[in-house]
Amino acid sequence: MQKVKYRTINTGLKPRRTKLEVPGWGGESQPRADGSHEQPWHCLPFAESARYGIELFYPFANELHVHMRNGSLVLEGDFGPDPGTGVQWPPFRTFGETYYTYQILLDLKVDPDWAIRTEPHPRFYTDPTDTVPIAVPALIRHWWPMIFFIVFKSPAEGRTHIFRPGEPMAQIIVIPAEADFELVVMDEDEAAERELQARRIHRSRDTLATKTEWTSSTNTVFDGTYRHILSAAKAREKNRPDGG
């Protein structure tokens, strides 16, 4: 297991493994049962992806509202007087009109051959208000000693992004430093094997859905097939002998 070591000037960032907040941005606490409305956490691929990284919280006591008005970016928030720490103040500033930055001063150390990547917090994808800040993806390699600033995408004209105390504002994921893969077309044998697997899964859906199938309030049927197979795959991986 890789350890990600960190140091930060502002303890309010509270780096931690991302948690899927239910109730909260992950959806309401509605069961997987007939009549429930679909929730983001009901989708296991999304739920696993949302918990994959490290979330960073807005560390200040005041709210920051970021507006786009008549093509100009406006940062509206009272950060008080410069504390005289040598840190850029206020810590947010425009970056052209299309982006703005936050001087985060966060150091995340990963093993060689690995890197960290900034990205939007997963609550951006579940937000119905279009007010969640959008962190711009950036890959930073293990030898770089500190993230001096992160970049956010400006809101659209007439829209406002809001930073609130204690709310997550961005996510970090740990990935291989090099995208060392080649995209190739499957050969006939591989394609046939995958097609056979897909057909077997499709034929087994009724069996796997026993006692777990439910229909949402919008008449969408959920059968739990992916969830069942994932549980089986994890159990097999856990019980596999070393080197097996």
C-alpha atoms as a PDB file:
ATOM      1  CA  MET A   1       0.000   0.000   0.000  1.00  0.00           C
ATOM      2  CA  GLN A   2       1.341   3.394  -0.977  1.00  0.00           C
ATOM      3  CA  LYS A   3       1.383   6.139   1.629  1.00  0.00           C
ATOM      4  CA  VAL A   4       0.630   9.680   0.498  1.00  0.00           C
ATOM      5  CA  LYS A   5       2.419  12.101   2.799  1.00  0.00           C
ATOM      6  CA  TYR A   6       1.266  15.683   3.093  1.00  0.00           C
ATOM      7  CA  ARG A   7       2.081  19.019   4.647  1.00  0.00           C
ATOM      8  CA  THR A   8       0.073  22.200   4.366  1.00  0.00           C
ATOM      9  CA  ILE A   9       0.260  25.816   5.463  1.00  0.00           C
ATOM     10  CA  ASN A  10      -3.495  25.985   6.036  1.00  0.00           C
ATOM     11  CA  THR A  11      -4.810  23.175   8.248  1.00  0.00           C
ATOM     12  CA  GLY A  12      -8.354  24.039   7.197  1.00  0.00           C
ATOM     13  CA  LEU A  13      -7.802  22.168   3.932  1.00  0.00           C
ATOM     14  CA  LYS A  14      -8.216  18.941   5.962  1.00  0.00           C
ATOM     15  CA  PRO A  15      -6.984  16.488   3.293  1.00  0.00           C
ATOM     16  CA  ARG A  16      -8.689  13.114   3.717  1.00  0.00           C
ATOM     17  CA  ARG A  17      -9.824  10.164   1.645  1.00  0.00           C
ATOM     18  CA  THR A  18     -12.961  11.280  -0.169  1.00  0.00           C
ATOM     19  CA  LYS A  19     -16.164  10.249   1.558  1.00  0.00           C
ATOM     20  CA  LEU A  20     -19.482   9.825  -0.226  1.00  0.00           C
ATOM     21  CA  GLU A  21     -21.799  11.969   1.890  1.00  0.00           C
ATOM     22  CA  VAL A  22     -25.297  10.440   2.207  1.00  0.00           C
ATOM     23  CA  PRO A  23     -27.435  12.333   2.971  1.00  0.00           C
ATOM     24  CA  GLY A  24     -25.549  15.132   1.271  1.00  0.00           C
ATOM     25  CA  TRP A  25     -23.948  15.605  -2.116  1.00  0.00           C
ATOM     26  CA  GLY A  26     -24.020  11.823  -2.672  1.00  0.00           C
ATOM     27  CA  GLY A  27     -27.814  11.888  -2.592  1.00  0.00           C
ATOM     28  CA  GLU A  28     -30.610  11.249  -0.174  1.00  0.00           C
ATOM     29  CA  SER A  29     -30.765   8.243   2.116  1.00  0.00           C
ATOM     30  CA  GLN A  30     -33.362   6.418   0.048  1.00  0.00           C
ATOM     31  CA  PRO A  31     -33.222   2.612   0.002  1.00  0.00           C
ATOM     32  CA  ARG A  32     -32.840   0.505  -3.098  1.00  0.00           C
ATOM     33  CA  ALA A  33     -36.535  -0.281  -3.104  1.00  0.00           C
ATOM     34  CA  ASP A  34     -39.593   0.154  -5.299  1.00  0.00           C
ATOM     35  CA  GLY A  35     -40.753   3.751  -5.408  1.00  0.00           C
ATOM     36  CA  SER A  36     -37.439   5.298  -4.360  1.00  0.00           C
ATOM     37  CA  HIS A  37     -36.018   8.050  -6.518  1.00  0.00           C
ATOM     38  CA  GLU A  38     -32.637   7.296  -8.112  1.00  0.00           C
ATOM     39  CA  GLN A  39     -29.702   8.628  -6.091  1.00  0.00           C
ATOM     40  CA  PRO A  40     -26.062   9.068  -7.147  1.00  0.00           C
ATOM     41  CA  TRP A  41     -24.933   6.531  -4.525  1.00  0.00           C
ATOM     42  CA  HIS A  42     -27.221   3.919  -6.064  1.00  0.00           C
ATOM     43  CA  CYS A  43     -24.776   3.771  -9.002  1.00  0.00           C
ATOM     44  CA  LEU A  44     -21.874   1.651  -7.791  1.00  0.00           C
ATOM     45  CA  PRO A  45     -19.374   2.685 -10.512  1.00  0.00           C
ATOM     46  CA  PHE A  46     -19.954   6.342  -9.582  1.00  0.00           C
ATOM     47  CA  ALA A  47     -19.829   5.612  -5.843  1.00  0.00           C
ATOM     48  CA  GLU A  48     -16.502   3.784  -6.159  1.00  0.00           C
ATOM     49  CA  SER A  49     -15.075   6.526  -8.362  1.00  0.00           C
ATOM     50  CA  ALA A  50     -16.253   9.248  -5.967  1.00  0.00           C
ATOM     51  CA  ARG A  51     -14.433   7.587  -3.044  1.00  0.00           C
ATOM     52  CA  TYR A  52     -11.230   7.018  -5.015  1.00  0.00           C
ATOM     53  CA  GLY A  53      -9.325  10.191  -4.194  1.00  0.00           C
ATOM     54  CA  ILE A  54      -8.370  12.772  -1.586  1.00  0.00           C
ATOM     55  CA  GLU A  55     -10.779  15.636  -0.969  1.00  0.00           C
ATOM     56  CA  LEU A  56      -9.739  19.163  -0.028  1.00  0.00           C
ATOM     57  CA  PHE A  57     -11.995  21.528   1.898  1.00  0.00           C
ATOM     58  CA  TYR A  58     -12.455  25.280   1.544  1.00  0.00           C
ATOM     59  CA  PRO A  59     -10.427  26.453   4.545  1.00  0.00           C
ATOM     60  CA  PHE A  60     -11.768  29.943   5.278  1.00  0.00           C
ATOM     61  CA  ALA A  61     -14.534  31.208   7.579  1.00  0.00           C
ATOM     62  CA  ASN A  62     -16.120  33.485   4.977  1.00  0.00           C
ATOM     63  CA  GLU A  63     -17.968  32.539   1.809  1.00  0.00           C
ATOM     64  CA  LEU A  64     -16.448  33.340  -1.570  1.00  0.00           C
ATOM     65  CA  HIS A  65     -18.782  34.001  -4.508  1.00  0.00           C
ATOM     66  CA  VAL A  66     -17.280  33.902  -7.984  1.00  0.00           C
ATOM     67  CA  HIS A  67     -19.452  35.620 -10.617  1.00  0.00           C
ATOM     68  CA  MET A  68     -19.244  36.197 -14.337  1.00  0.00           C
ATOM     69  CA  ARG A  69     -20.828  39.565 -15.170  1.00  0.00           C
ATOM     70  CA  ASN A  70     -20.795  41.049 -18.652  1.00  0.00           C
ATOM     71  CA  GLY A  71     -17.756  38.981 -19.553  1.00  0.00           C
ATOM     72  CA  SER A  72     -15.796  40.021 -16.458  1.00  0.00           C
ATOM     73  CA  LEU A  73     -14.875  37.715 -13.586  1.00  0.00           C
ATOM     74  CA  VAL A  74     -15.750  39.028 -10.114  1.00  0.00           C
ATOM     75  CA  LEU A  75     -14.421  37.470  -6.888  1.00  0.00           C
ATOM     76  CA  GLU A  76     -16.634  38.544  -4.016  1.00  0.00           C
ATOM     77  CA  GLY A  77     -15.502  37.666  -0.494  1.00  0.00           C
ATOM     78  CA  ASP A  78     -14.104  39.360   2.592  1.00  0.00           C
ATOM     79  CA  PHE A  79     -10.835  37.754   3.659  1.00  0.00           C
ATOM     80  CA  GLY A  80      -9.898  40.541   6.040  1.00  0.00           C
ATOM     81  CA  PRO A  81      -6.522  42.301   6.251  1.00  0.00           C
ATOM     82  CA  ASP A  82      -3.310  40.711   5.030  1.00  0.00           C
ATOM     83  CA  PRO A  83      -2.065  38.547   7.929  1.00  0.00           C
ATOM     84  CA  GLY A  84       1.530  39.301   6.987  1.00  0.00           C
ATOM     85  CA  THR A  85       2.559  35.675   6.553  1.00  0.00           C
ATOM     86  CA  GLY A  86       4.037  36.227   3.109  1.00  0.00           C
ATOM     87  CA  VAL A  87       1.196  34.298   1.508  1.00  0.00           C
ATOM     88  CA  GLN A  88      -0.553  35.929  -1.456  1.00  0.00           C
ATOM     89  CA  TRP A  89      -3.521  37.907  -0.098  1.00  0.00           C
ATOM     90  CA  PRO A  90      -6.324  37.577  -0.842  1.00  0.00           C
ATOM     91  CA  PRO A  91      -5.524  33.954  -1.739  1.00  0.00           C
ATOM     92  CA  PHE A  92      -7.850  33.909  -4.774  1.00  0.00           C
ATOM     93  CA  ARG A  93      -7.228  35.936  -7.904  1.00  0.00           C
ATOM     94  CA  THR A  94      -8.381  36.051 -11.502  1.00  0.00           C
ATOM     95  CA  PHE A  95      -6.359  34.240 -14.140  1.00  0.00           C
ATOM     96  CA  GLY A  96      -7.482  35.962 -17.285  1.00  0.00           C
ATOM     97  CA  GLU A  97     -11.282  35.973 -17.373  1.00  0.00           C
ATOM     98  CA  THR A  98     -11.739  32.276 -18.091  1.00  0.00           C
ATOM     99  CA  TYR A  99     -10.048  30.945 -14.962  1.00  0.00           C
ATOM    100  CA  TYR A 100      -9.121  31.917 -11.416  1.00  0.00           C
ATOM    101  CA  THR A 101      -6.567  30.528  -8.979  1.00  0.00           C
ATOM    102  CA  TYR A 102      -6.220  29.723  -5.303  1.00  0.00           C
ATOM    103  CA  GLN A 103      -2.789  29.775  -3.638  1.00  0.00           C
ATOM    104  CA  ILE A 104      -3.179  26.450  -1.900  1.00  0.00           C
ATOM    105  CA  LEU A 105       0.416  25.772  -0.727  1.00  0.00           C
ATOM    106  CA  LEU A 106      -0.128  22.042  -0.301  1.00  0.00           C
ATOM    107  CA  ASP A 107       2.588  19.397  -0.517  1.00  0.00           C
ATOM    108  CA  LEU A 108       1.605  15.829  -1.381  1.00  0.00           C
ATOM    109  CA  LYS A 109       4.434  13.320  -1.663  1.00  0.00           C
ATOM    110  CA  VAL A 110       3.947  10.069  -3.567  1.00  0.00           C
ATOM    111  CA  ASP A 111       6.322   7.287  -4.543  1.00  0.00           C
ATOM    112  CA  PRO A 112       8.553   7.544  -7.625  1.00  0.00           C
ATOM    113  CA  ASP A 113       6.784   6.690 -10.895  1.00  0.00           C
ATOM    114  CA  TRP A 114       3.541   8.068  -9.452  1.00  0.00           C
ATOM    115  CA  ALA A 115       1.912  11.485  -9.693  1.00  0.00           C
ATOM    116  CA  ILE A 116      -1.035  13.403  -8.298  1.00  0.00           C
ATOM    117  CA  ARG A 117      -3.786  14.923 -10.386  1.00  0.00           C
ATOM    118  CA  THR A 118      -6.175  17.690  -9.411  1.00  0.00           C
ATOM    119  CA  GLU A 119      -9.760  17.408 -10.601  1.00  0.00           C
ATOM    120  CA  PRO A 120     -13.279  18.611  -9.742  1.00  0.00           C
ATOM    121  CA  HIS A 121     -14.701  17.230  -6.537  1.00  0.00           C
ATOM    122  CA  PRO A 122     -17.270  14.520  -7.360  1.00  0.00           C
ATOM    123  CA  ARG A 123     -20.045  16.646  -5.864  1.00  0.00           C
ATOM    124  CA  PHE A 124     -19.679  18.821  -8.971  1.00  0.00           C
ATOM    125  CA  TYR A 125     -21.391  16.033 -10.933  1.00  0.00           C
ATOM    126  CA  THR A 126     -24.322  15.709  -8.517  1.00  0.00           C
ATOM    127  CA  ASP A 127     -24.964  19.426  -7.967  1.00  0.00           C
ATOM    128  CA  PRO A 128     -28.323  20.621  -9.369  1.00  0.00           C
ATOM    129  CA  THR A 129     -27.554  24.310  -8.688  1.00  0.00           C
ATOM    130  CA  ASP A 130     -24.497  24.755 -10.938  1.00  0.00           C
ATOM    131  CA  THR A 131     -22.666  26.524  -8.085  1.00  0.00           C
ATOM    132  CA  VAL A 132     -19.912  24.002  -7.244  1.00  0.00           C
ATOM    133  CA  PRO A 133     -16.366  25.193  -8.114  1.00  0.00           C
ATOM    134  CA  ILE A 134     -14.702  23.395 -11.020  1.00  0.00           C
ATOM    135  CA  ALA A 135     -11.054  22.517 -10.345  1.00  0.00           C
ATOM    136  CA  VAL A 136      -9.045  22.191 -13.557  1.00  0.00           C
ATOM    137  CA  PRO A 137      -7.180  18.860 -14.007  1.00  0.00           C
ATOM    138  CA  ALA A 138      -3.406  19.100 -13.644  1.00  0.00           C
ATOM    139  CA  LEU A 139      -0.811  16.343 -13.268  1.00  0.00           C
ATOM    140  CA  ILE A 140       2.061  16.994 -10.841  1.00  0.00           C
ATOM    141  CA  ARG A 141       4.989  14.572 -10.551  1.00  0.00           C
ATOM    142  CA  HIS A 142       6.438  13.194  -7.335  1.00  0.00           C
ATOM    143  CA  TRP A 143       9.599  15.327  -7.397  1.00  0.00           C
ATOM    144  CA  TRP A 144       7.705  18.654  -7.297  1.00  0.00           C
ATOM    145  CA  PRO A 145       7.763  19.736  -3.621  1.00  0.00           C
ATOM    146  CA  MET A 146       4.544  21.763  -3.367  1.00  0.00           C
ATOM    147  CA  ILE A 147       1.334  22.650  -5.208  1.00  0.00           C
ATOM    148  CA  PHE A 148       1.621  26.421  -5.103  1.00  0.00           C
ATOM    149  CA  PHE A 149      -1.793  27.072  -6.623  1.00  0.00           C
ATOM    150  CA  ILE A 150      -4.698  25.270  -8.218  1.00  0.00           C
ATOM    151  CA  VAL A 151      -6.756  26.606 -11.097  1.00  0.00           C
ATOM    152  CA  PHE A 152     -10.541  26.757 -11.280  1.00  0.00           C
ATOM    153  CA  LYS A 153     -12.699  27.250 -14.366  1.00  0.00           C
ATOM    154  CA  SER A 154     -14.767  30.422 -14.305  1.00  0.00           C
ATOM    155  CA  PRO A 155     -18.570  30.137 -14.203  1.00  0.00           C
ATOM    156  CA  ALA A 156     -20.624  30.867 -17.290  1.00  0.00           C
ATOM    157  CA  GLU A 157     -22.130  34.294 -17.823  1.00  0.00           C
ATOM    158  CA  GLY A 158     -24.686  35.064 -15.132  1.00  0.00           C
ATOM    159  CA  ARG A 159     -23.667  32.065 -13.030  1.00  0.00           C
ATOM    160  CA  THR A 160     -22.005  31.972  -9.602  1.00  0.00           C
ATOM    161  CA  HIS A 161     -19.667  29.446  -8.041  1.00  0.00           C
ATOM    162  CA  ILE A 162     -19.780  29.411  -4.239  1.00  0.00           C
ATOM    163  CA  PHE A 163     -17.087  28.371  -1.771  1.00  0.00           C
ATOM    164  CA  ARG A 164     -18.599  27.701   1.655  1.00  0.00           C
ATOM    165  CA  PRO A 165     -16.756  26.973   4.917  1.00  0.00           C
ATOM    166  CA  GLY A 166     -16.330  23.255   5.441  1.00  0.00           C
ATOM    167  CA  GLU A 167     -17.408  22.223   1.938  1.00  0.00           C
ATOM    168  CA  PRO A 168     -15.083  20.187  -0.318  1.00  0.00           C
ATOM    169  CA  MET A 169     -13.801  22.222  -3.251  1.00  0.00           C
ATOM    170  CA  ALA A 170     -11.495  19.862  -5.171  1.00  0.00           C
ATOM    171  CA  GLN A 171     -10.221  16.315  -5.315  1.00  0.00           C
ATOM    172  CA  ILE A 172      -6.748  14.795  -5.767  1.00  0.00           C
ATOM    173  CA  ILE A 173      -6.184  11.342  -7.200  1.00  0.00           C
ATOM    174  CA  VAL A 174      -2.951   9.338  -7.258  1.00  0.00           C
ATOM    175  CA  ILE A 175      -2.080   7.865 -10.661  1.00  0.00           C
ATOM    176  CA  PRO A 176       0.912   6.422 -12.546  1.00  0.00           C
ATOM    177  CA  ALA A 177       3.118   9.260 -13.763  1.00  0.00           C
ATOM    178  CA  GLU A 178       3.234   7.898 -17.306  1.00  0.00           C
ATOM    179  CA  ALA A 179       0.219   6.791 -19.332  1.00  0.00           C
ATOM    180  CA  ASP A 180       2.126   3.714 -20.451  1.00  0.00           C
ATOM    181  CA  PHE A 181      -0.445   1.998 -22.630  1.00  0.00           C
ATOM    182  CA  GLU A 182      -1.184   1.453 -26.288  1.00  0.00           C
ATOM    183  CA  LEU A 183      -4.688   1.514 -27.704  1.00  0.00           C
ATOM    184  CA  VAL A 184      -5.185  -1.506 -29.981  1.00  0.00           C
ATOM    185  CA  VAL A 185      -8.129  -3.330 -31.477  1.00  0.00           C
ATOM    186  CA  MET A 186      -8.931  -6.686 -29.845  1.00  0.00           C
ATOM    187  CA  ASP A 187      -8.083  -9.750 -31.873  1.00  0.00           C
ATOM    188  CA  GLU A 188     -10.910 -12.110 -32.818  1.00  0.00           C
ATOM    189  CA  ASP A 189     -10.346 -14.515 -29.918  1.00  0.00           C
ATOM    190  CA  GLU A 190     -10.345 -11.754 -27.291  1.00  0.00           C
ATOM    191  CA  ALA A 191     -13.396 -10.110 -28.822  1.00  0.00           C
ATOM    192  CA  ALA A 192     -15.254 -13.436 -28.879  1.00  0.00           C
ATOM    193  CA  GLU A 193     -14.340 -14.110 -25.238  1.00  0.00           C
ATOM    194  CA  ARG A 194     -15.600 -10.689 -24.131  1.00  0.00           C
ATOM    195  CA  GLU A 195     -18.786 -11.116 -26.142  1.00  0.00           C
ATOM    196  CA  LEU A 196     -19.376 -14.498 -24.503  1.00  0.00           C
ATOM    197  CA  GLN A 197     -18.875 -12.955 -21.057  1.00  0.00           C
ATOM    198  CA  ALA A 198     -21.355 -10.200 -21.891  1.00  0.00           C
ATOM    199  CA  ARG A 199     -23.966 -12.689 -23.064  1.00  0.00           C
ATOM    200  CA  ARG A 200     -23.521 -14.853 -19.960  1.00  0.00           C
ATOM    201  CA  ILE A 201     -24.009 -11.806 -17.730  1.00  0.00           C
ATOM    202  CA  HIS A 202     -27.104 -10.809 -19.685  1.00  0.00           C
ATOM    203  CA  ARG A 203     -28.601 -14.308 -19.368  1.00  0.00           C
ATOM    204  CA  SER A 204     -27.900 -14.392 -15.624  1.00  0.00           C
ATOM    205  CA  ARG A 205     -29.512 -11.038 -14.814  1.00  0.00           C
ATOM    206  CA  ASP A 206     -32.832 -12.589 -13.762  1.00  0.00           C
ATOM    207  CA  THR A 207     -31.082 -14.977 -11.385  1.00  0.00           C
ATOM    208  CA  LEU A 208     -28.826 -12.290  -9.905  1.00  0.00           C
ATOM    209  CA  ALA A 209     -31.750  -9.922  -9.528  1.00  0.00           C
ATOM    210  CA  THR A 210     -33.668 -12.252  -7.206  1.00  0.00           C
ATOM    211  CA  LYS A 211     -34.664 -10.256  -4.090  1.00  0.00           C
ATOM    212  CA  THR A 212     -32.659  -7.210  -5.224  1.00  0.00           C
ATOM    213  CA  GLU A 213     -34.509  -5.925  -8.292  1.00  0.00           C
ATOM    214  CA  TRP A 214     -36.420  -2.707  -7.750  1.00  0.00           C
ATOM    215  CA  THR A 215     -38.168  -0.058  -9.824  1.00  0.00           C
ATOM    216  CA  SER A 216     -37.551   3.626  -9.154  1.00  0.00           C
ATOM    217  CA  SER A 217     -40.089   6.421  -9.018  1.00  0.00           C
ATOM    218  CA  THR A 218     -39.260   7.211 -12.657  1.00  0.00           C
ATOM    219  CA  ASN A 219     -39.924   3.597 -13.685  1.00  0.00           C
ATOM    220  CA  THR A 220     -36.261   2.658 -14.090  1.00  0.00           C
ATOM    221  CA  VAL A 221     -35.478  -0.970 -13.218  1.00  0.00           C
ATOM    222  CA  PHE A 222     -32.370  -1.669 -11.113  1.00  0.00           C
ATOM    223  CA  ASP A 223     -31.323  -5.291 -10.829  1.00  0.00           C
ATOM    224  CA  GLY A 224     -28.015  -5.133  -8.953  1.00  0.00           C
ATOM    225  CA  THR A 225     -26.105  -7.244 -11.501  1.00  0.00           C
ATOM    226  CA  TYR A 226     -22.932  -5.148 -11.420  1.00  0.00           C
ATOM    227  CA  ARG A 227     -23.045  -4.975  -7.614  1.00  0.00           C
ATOM    228  CA  HIS A 228     -23.333  -8.780  -7.293  1.00  0.00           C
ATOM    229  CA  ILE A 229     -20.464  -9.453  -9.692  1.00  0.00           C
ATOM    230  CA  LEU A 230     -18.256  -6.857  -8.016  1.00  0.00           C
ATOM    231  CA  SER A 231     -18.825  -8.477  -4.611  1.00  0.00           C
ATOM    232  CA  ALA A 232     -17.930 -11.876  -6.042  1.00  0.00           C
ATOM    233  CA  ALA A 233     -14.814 -10.513  -7.744  1.00  0.00           C
ATOM    234  CA  LYS A 234     -13.622  -8.853  -4.528  1.00  0.00           C
ATOM    235  CA  ALA A 235     -14.228 -12.031  -2.536  1.00  0.00           C
ATOM    236  CA  ARG A 236     -12.268 -14.091  -5.057  1.00  0.00           C
ATOM    237  CA  GLU A 237      -9.406 -11.594  -5.038  1.00  0.00           C
ATOM    238  CA  LYS A 238      -9.320 -11.603  -1.229  1.00  0.00           C
ATOM    239  CA  ASN A 239      -9.199 -15.402  -1.039  1.00  0.00           C
ATOM    240  CA  ARG A 240      -6.670 -15.865  -3.844  1.00  0.00           C
ATOM    241  CA  PRO A 241      -3.378 -17.381  -2.603  1.00  0.00           C
ATOM    242  CA  ASP A 242      -0.314 -15.179  -2.905  1.00  0.00           C
ATOM    243  CA  GLY A 243       0.988 -15.378  -6.404  1.00  0.00           C
ATOM    244  CA  GLY A 244      -2.144 -17.238  -7.564  1.00  0.00           C
END
